């Protein structure tokens, strides 16, 4: 997982949703500025730079689209949140854009079978 949140708030959020154990590696934000592309790169190194075509970054902000492109991996735009800006996400040409969770969930299940 790569997030812009700090380490403490990341842990609180993941525990609150009961999903902390789902992530082997977590890269958090920095008060010094954006570092998502670096975080993605660190996780890729943990995974020994496995085939980047099998890794997707899922994000809901324009910065997520840019970070995944900089890291060289495909990106899914999660445009279903109230805070998402779908038109800005579309303009950055994500590999896939979902505007609702059921379609995204169906895509994940189909991709992992």
C-alpha atoms as a PDB file:
ATOM      1  CA  UNK A   1       0.000   0.000   0.000  1.00  0.00           C
ATOM      2  CA  UNK A   2       1.176   3.489  -0.837  1.00  0.00           C
ATOM      3  CA  UNK A   3      -0.583   6.425   0.758  1.00  0.00           C
ATOM      4  CA  UNK A   4      -0.070  10.100   1.339  1.00  0.00           C
ATOM      5  CA  UNK A   5      -1.197   9.711   4.951  1.00  0.00           C
ATOM      6  CA  UNK A   6       1.372   9.704   7.721  1.00  0.00           C
ATOM      7  CA  UNK A   7       2.351   6.457   9.469  1.00  0.00           C
ATOM      8  CA  UNK A   8       0.133   6.922  12.540  1.00  0.00           C
ATOM      9  CA  UNK A   9      -3.034   7.889  10.660  1.00  0.00           C
ATOM     10  CA  UNK A  10      -2.406   5.099   8.128  1.00  0.00           C
ATOM     11  CA  UNK A  11      -2.252   2.509  10.892  1.00  0.00           C
ATOM     12  CA  UNK A  12      -5.360   3.900  12.585  1.00  0.00           C
ATOM     13  CA  UNK A  13      -7.324   3.836   9.301  1.00  0.00           C
ATOM     14  CA  UNK A  14      -6.245   0.328   8.304  1.00  0.00           C
ATOM     15  CA  UNK A  15      -7.044  -1.030  11.760  1.00  0.00           C
ATOM     16  CA  UNK A  16     -10.419   0.745  11.784  1.00  0.00           C
ATOM     17  CA  UNK A  17     -11.377  -0.989   8.533  1.00  0.00           C
ATOM     18  CA  UNK A  18      -9.857  -4.303   9.626  1.00  0.00           C
ATOM     19  CA  UNK A  19      -7.490  -4.498   6.667  1.00  0.00           C
ATOM     20  CA  UNK A  20      -4.052  -3.830   8.173  1.00  0.00           C
ATOM     21  CA  UNK A  21      -3.085  -7.496   7.807  1.00  0.00           C
ATOM     22  CA  UNK A  22      -3.773  -7.398   4.058  1.00  0.00           C
ATOM     23  CA  UNK A  23      -0.623  -5.387   3.351  1.00  0.00           C
ATOM     24  CA  UNK A  24       2.895  -6.819   3.519  1.00  0.00           C
ATOM     25  CA  UNK A  25       4.453  -3.456   2.714  1.00  0.00           C
ATOM     26  CA  UNK A  26       3.147   0.006   3.501  1.00  0.00           C
ATOM     27  CA  UNK A  27       4.701   3.235   2.277  1.00  0.00           C
ATOM     28  CA  UNK A  28       3.371   6.388   3.893  1.00  0.00           C
ATOM     29  CA  UNK A  29       3.500  10.077   3.130  1.00  0.00           C
ATOM     30  CA  UNK A  30       6.043  12.616   4.251  1.00  0.00           C
ATOM     31  CA  UNK A  31       5.726  16.147   5.634  1.00  0.00           C
ATOM     32  CA  UNK A  32       8.415  17.061   3.083  1.00  0.00           C
ATOM     33  CA  UNK A  33       5.990  16.592   0.195  1.00  0.00           C
ATOM     34  CA  UNK A  34       4.625  14.017  -2.257  1.00  0.00           C
ATOM     35  CA  UNK A  35       6.509  10.738  -2.419  1.00  0.00           C
ATOM     36  CA  UNK A  36       4.047   8.234  -3.862  1.00  0.00           C
ATOM     37  CA  UNK A  37       6.199   7.420  -6.891  1.00  0.00           C
ATOM     38  CA  UNK A  38       9.123   6.708  -4.555  1.00  0.00           C
ATOM     39  CA  UNK A  39       6.850   4.596  -2.344  1.00  0.00           C
ATOM     40  CA  UNK A  40       5.687   2.588  -5.352  1.00  0.00           C
ATOM     41  CA  UNK A  41       9.324   2.090  -6.368  1.00  0.00           C
ATOM     42  CA  UNK A  42      10.217   0.857  -2.879  1.00  0.00           C
ATOM     43  CA  UNK A  43       7.441  -1.708  -2.953  1.00  0.00           C
ATOM     44  CA  UNK A  44       8.470  -2.849  -6.424  1.00  0.00           C
ATOM     45  CA  UNK A  45      11.980  -3.432  -5.065  1.00  0.00           C
ATOM     46  CA  UNK A  46      10.535  -5.473  -2.173  1.00  0.00           C
ATOM     47  CA  UNK A  47       8.841  -7.559  -4.825  1.00  0.00           C
ATOM     48  CA  UNK A  48      12.130  -7.811  -6.739  1.00  0.00           C
ATOM     49  CA  UNK A  49      10.794  -5.697  -9.604  1.00  0.00           C
ATOM     50  CA  UNK A  50       8.389  -8.439 -10.676  1.00  0.00           C
ATOM     51  CA  UNK A  51       6.549  -7.899 -13.936  1.00  0.00           C
ATOM     52  CA  UNK A  52       5.099  -4.402 -13.680  1.00  0.00           C
ATOM     53  CA  UNK A  53       2.182  -5.443 -15.906  1.00  0.00           C
ATOM     54  CA  UNK A  54       0.849  -7.572 -13.030  1.00  0.00           C
ATOM     55  CA  UNK A  55       0.803  -4.641 -10.610  1.00  0.00           C
ATOM     56  CA  UNK A  56      -1.836  -1.919 -10.604  1.00  0.00           C
ATOM     57  CA  UNK A  57      -2.006   1.256  -8.566  1.00  0.00           C
ATOM     58  CA  UNK A  58      -5.516   2.227  -7.526  1.00  0.00           C
ATOM     59  CA  UNK A  59      -5.993   5.883  -6.753  1.00  0.00           C
ATOM     60  CA  UNK A  60      -8.663   8.519  -6.459  1.00  0.00           C
ATOM     61  CA  UNK A  61      -6.643  11.688  -7.041  1.00  0.00           C
ATOM     62  CA  UNK A  62      -4.781  13.191  -9.998  1.00  0.00           C
ATOM     63  CA  UNK A  63      -1.506  12.846  -8.076  1.00  0.00           C
ATOM     64  CA  UNK A  64      -2.073   9.095  -7.915  1.00  0.00           C
ATOM     65  CA  UNK A  65      -2.326   8.928 -11.707  1.00  0.00           C
ATOM     66  CA  UNK A  66       0.920  10.880 -12.075  1.00  0.00           C
ATOM     67  CA  UNK A  67       2.797   8.871  -9.437  1.00  0.00           C
ATOM     68  CA  UNK A  68       1.911   5.526 -10.990  1.00  0.00           C
ATOM     69  CA  UNK A  69       2.939   6.744 -14.440  1.00  0.00           C
ATOM     70  CA  UNK A  70       6.254   7.982 -13.023  1.00  0.00           C
ATOM     71  CA  UNK A  71       6.785   4.568 -11.414  1.00  0.00           C
ATOM     72  CA  UNK A  72       5.916   2.838 -14.688  1.00  0.00           C
ATOM     73  CA  UNK A  73       2.890   0.837 -13.604  1.00  0.00           C
ATOM     74  CA  UNK A  74      -0.722   0.822 -14.812  1.00  0.00           C
ATOM     75  CA  UNK A  75      -3.266   2.863 -12.883  1.00  0.00           C
ATOM     76  CA  UNK A  76      -6.924   2.395 -12.012  1.00  0.00           C
ATOM     77  CA  UNK A  77      -8.876   5.555 -11.261  1.00  0.00           C
ATOM     78  CA  UNK A  78     -11.263   5.105  -8.350  1.00  0.00           C
ATOM     79  CA  UNK A  79     -13.740   7.838  -9.221  1.00  0.00           C
ATOM     80  CA  UNK A  80     -16.588   6.739  -6.970  1.00  0.00           C
ATOM     81  CA  UNK A  81     -15.757   8.749  -3.838  1.00  0.00           C
ATOM     82  CA  UNK A  82     -17.532  12.023  -3.150  1.00  0.00           C
ATOM     83  CA  UNK A  83     -14.128  13.703  -3.036  1.00  0.00           C
ATOM     84  CA  UNK A  84     -12.975  12.301  -6.390  1.00  0.00           C
ATOM     85  CA  UNK A  85     -12.872  14.599  -9.394  1.00  0.00           C
ATOM     86  CA  UNK A  86     -13.805  12.260 -12.261  1.00  0.00           C
ATOM     87  CA  UNK A  87     -13.185  14.777 -15.052  1.00  0.00           C
ATOM     88  CA  UNK A  88      -9.665  15.487 -13.800  1.00  0.00           C
ATOM     89  CA  UNK A  89      -9.000  11.769 -13.493  1.00  0.00           C
ATOM     90  CA  UNK A  90     -10.290  11.114 -17.023  1.00  0.00           C
ATOM     91  CA  UNK A  91      -8.096  13.900 -18.399  1.00  0.00           C
ATOM     92  CA  UNK A  92      -5.021  12.068 -17.073  1.00  0.00           C
ATOM     93  CA  UNK A  93      -6.017   8.960 -19.061  1.00  0.00           C
ATOM     94  CA  UNK A  94      -5.918   6.195 -16.455  1.00  0.00           C
ATOM     95  CA  UNK A  95      -5.735   2.671 -17.813  1.00  0.00           C
ATOM     96  CA  UNK A  96      -9.177   2.025 -16.353  1.00  0.00           C
ATOM     97  CA  UNK A  97     -11.662   4.296 -14.586  1.00  0.00           C
ATOM     98  CA  UNK A  98     -14.423   3.034 -12.320  1.00  0.00           C
ATOM     99  CA  UNK A  99     -17.211   5.270 -11.075  1.00  0.00           C
ATOM    100  CA  UNK A 100     -18.733   2.675  -8.746  1.00  0.00           C
ATOM    101  CA  UNK A 101     -17.522  -0.009  -6.370  1.00  0.00           C
ATOM    102  CA  UNK A 102     -19.532  -2.957  -7.781  1.00  0.00           C
ATOM    103  CA  UNK A 103     -17.931  -2.590 -11.239  1.00  0.00           C
ATOM    104  CA  UNK A 104     -14.490  -2.299  -9.652  1.00  0.00           C
ATOM    105  CA  UNK A 105     -15.128  -5.367  -7.485  1.00  0.00           C
ATOM    106  CA  UNK A 106     -16.264  -7.402 -10.501  1.00  0.00           C
ATOM    107  CA  UNK A 107     -13.114  -6.354 -12.379  1.00  0.00           C
ATOM    108  CA  UNK A 108     -10.889  -7.408  -9.466  1.00  0.00           C
ATOM    109  CA  UNK A 109     -12.602 -10.785  -9.156  1.00  0.00           C
ATOM    110  CA  UNK A 110     -12.361 -11.405 -12.905  1.00  0.00           C
ATOM    111  CA  UNK A 111      -8.676 -10.420 -12.957  1.00  0.00           C
ATOM    112  CA  UNK A 112      -7.769 -12.734 -10.081  1.00  0.00           C
ATOM    113  CA  UNK A 113      -9.504 -15.872 -11.246  1.00  0.00           C
END
